[in-house]
Structure formats: C-alpha cells, structure tokens
Amino acid sequence: MFDDRKFAKEMDWVHGDPYYPLNFPIRVYVYQMPNKFTYDLLWLFRNTYRETSNLTSNGSPVHRLIEQHSIDYWLWADLIAPESERLLKNVVRVDRQEEADLFYVPFFTTISFFLLEKQQCKALYRVFISVDNLGHCILPSDSFQREEALKWVTDQPAWKRSEGRDHIFPIHHPWSFKSVRRYVKNSIWLLPDMDSTGNWYKPGQVSLEKDLILPYVPNVDLCDAKCVSESESKRTILLFFRGRLKRNAGGKIRSKLVTELAGAKDVVIEEGTSGDQGKAAAQKGMRRSIFCLSPAGDTPSSARLFDAIVSGCIPVIISDELELPFEGILDYRKIAIFVSSTDAVQPGWLLPFLKGTSSTQIREMRRNLVEFSRHFMYSSPAQPLGPEDLMGGKLVNIKLHTRRSQRVVKESRSVCTCDCGSGNNTTSSTLSGQSLSG
C-alpha cells in the first residue's frame, strides 16, 4: 500500500511540477559545428536513400531504416528551434558557453554509421567531407585528414574545463561512433541500453553514473485513450510477437521462446518484415493482443518494448540485463511484466503465468500504459513530459563528477573512471526500480 501511495505522489510531481525532478531549468549550449556535420549530413543521407522511402512516420527527414535510432535528430530539432516555438519549460538553450550546464554535440552518429557502411565514405566523424550535386561523397585529400570533428569539439574551452564530462553525445545506435569512443568516454552518452554483456561497449565506456538511457523511436502509431478503450474487446490474442526470430548475443533467447511457444493457442509469433506492410502488421497485431513479448535483441533492449507501450499492449519483458529509460522517475512495474529468462523457457511455465494475471490488474496496467505513452513519443516541437523533457535527472550527478574531477589530486587519489556502476540483473518475475538519475 505504501508503494502505491509513493507511486501516486511521484506521478503527481511528474505531471504537476514542470521542473521536476530538478526544480529549475537546465541550460544547454548547442555547438554550432560546421554544416558538413549537421545539415549537409542530413541531406546526404536523404539523397542517398531517396529512392527507397519518403519521410518517416514522425516527419523526420531521414530514412525509415534508422527511425528507431533517430533520437539525435529529434533532440537537435527541438534545441535549435526558436525559443518562441519551444514548449519545454525545464530545458532552455543558451548562447554563451559560460552560462551552460550541459553542452550538446549535434552530430548524427547513426546516419554516419549507415553512410559509412552503405556509401563506403570515409568515417564521417573523423574527416570532413564534401557532397556533389547528386549527394555523393567527395573524399577529402590527405591535407584535410587532420580536420576532424573530434578535434573540433575537444579544442573547445568548455571541453578542456571538464574533460568532456558535461558534454552530450547521441550514440544511440550500438555500432555508431565506435572508432572514437575511447576519446569521449568521460562524456554523457545517450544510449538504448547499457549492454552489460560487453558485446557492444567496452568496460569503462558506459555506466548508469554518467550516461542516459533513451527510448527507441516507436515505429507504430500511438494508440491513445480512445483507441485503447475501443480496442479492448478486440484483444483476443493472449501473447503477440512480430520481429526477428533469430538474433545474436543475448537475443538467442528468442529462438528458445519460439520453440517453447510454437503452436500454442491464442499465441501469435511471426517473423518481422520491414517497410509499411511490416509496420501495419505489427501495429494490427499489438492492438489485438493483451500481452506483447519483449525479449532481448542483439542488445538487451528492443524497439518492440516501446512499440508495445504506445499500442496499449502490456509488455512481457524477458531480458535479464535490461536497463530502462528514466527509471529514476518512471515505475515500469505499473505497465510491464518482468520474467527471468530461466523461467520463460521452462516448458509449460510462461503461458499459465500470464493467464494468472487478473482482469483487474490488466485493466489497471492498460490505463497506466495510456498515461506512460507520452513519455516515449518524440515530436517537433518536443512536448512536455516527452522523452526530451525527462532527461534532466542527470544534471546533479554530472556536476558532481565534473567538480570532483577538477579538485581531486590525481597523484594521491584515483579518479573514478565511471566503470564502477554495475549492471542490472533481473532474476525474478518483478524488477525493482533502479534510479538512472544518480
């Protein structure tokens, strides 16, 4: 009962106080990097994939291929908008570096990764590039090799003052920015998860002390309160999953679940497909289902978790190493069911467990999903209580590490390298809240 009262009070704070949890605005300085790293990169990517798709479902001028990792676009679009058009109250942009609490580096790491792989350009975060009229890369001569984006940032006075501890890098795709990560390991990384398995990030690069988990961009349309209410009688599928059935690393749990659930009544397990047809099929299936399976992918997190949340489908999370966005503010026990991988693959265990969930609990969790959905929807302009608005919980901790690094005598005391944060290990059917706010 106390836990419920505490949850209700925390939600009062979230919805009633525009400055919660900091109680004052965060001042952000956005670096004005050369256009080759911002506008030119967007147009290069758009022209490269012009023949394959129009705008994304959210209106972002980037290809749907990277929609789930396009948080760098949404954050940048909000920060550079005229202040008169911005709706957020707890994040303000400042024009002078000395007035800033945090420094945002507006580089599109996900786009650069796809261009590097698909277009065979030089690594765009290491060298300047030029673009011809057809949107093709013009590789620079050797004389420009030293003009690196990384050097541009690390030469800034604010970087030198804190060694980058108050600088933000959007590294949301697990393969992005790989070759220079070691140079920015003190900075704040915006990530899809911590990946404590060690498959994607090296020890000491990421931790809950300095980095921030941001949700994937949902690939399905929002099912609002009216939609959830109207779809309630149509939710005849007990458990639904549509996606890649075989994944690497931690995602191997998927093939085991497929074997366990194959042919079960009221269960739909489908191989996912890309494009509009795949999106439509996923959206239809989620809106017809009570529970949506959310197992680990190649990393502990999966975009399907956020697709389920905005679809009004209760997520069944099977990912023992998962970290969640804004968990210092949001209590995911109110909207999701957590199951350990050991329990999930036991023959005949998972479906009876889900069927044991009372109709009262299902209705309550579905109501909570409607309330929580706003926290996972990116938009331009960014909306209050959206993912762009809940990032402030890190500021106090960032100031602590910055100031400590400035005063500690390194010869007499070792400075924490931020590899002391331990991963989150889910070993039971419920997950206790673990703060990401430091």
Foldseek 3Di string as FASTA:
>chain_A
DVVVVVLVVLVCCQVPPLQPPPNAAAEEEEDPDPCLQPVLLLVLQCLVCVVPDQAAPQRDSHDPVCQQQQVLRLLVLQQPDPPVQFDRDRYHYDHDPVVHLAYEYSGRQVSQVCCCVPQVADRCQQFGWDADPSSHTDHDDPVGRNVGNVVVVCVDPVCVLQVAQRYEDEPAPLATPPVCLVSRQNHEYEYQWDQLVCPRDHQLRDFLLRYFHAGTAAREDFQAPVNLVVLVVQQQAAEEEEEAQDADDQSNLSVLLCVQCPPPPSYYYYYADDDPVRRVVLLVNLSNHQEYEFQQHNGLGDNVVLNNLRSLHQYEYEGFQGDDGQLQSDPSVLQHKYAYSVQSNDHPRPPVVSVPDDPVSSVRNSVVSNVQNQQRHRHVSGDRNHVSSSPPLQSVSSVVLSVCVNPDDCVVDPRDSNSPHDTGGDDHGDDDRDGSSD
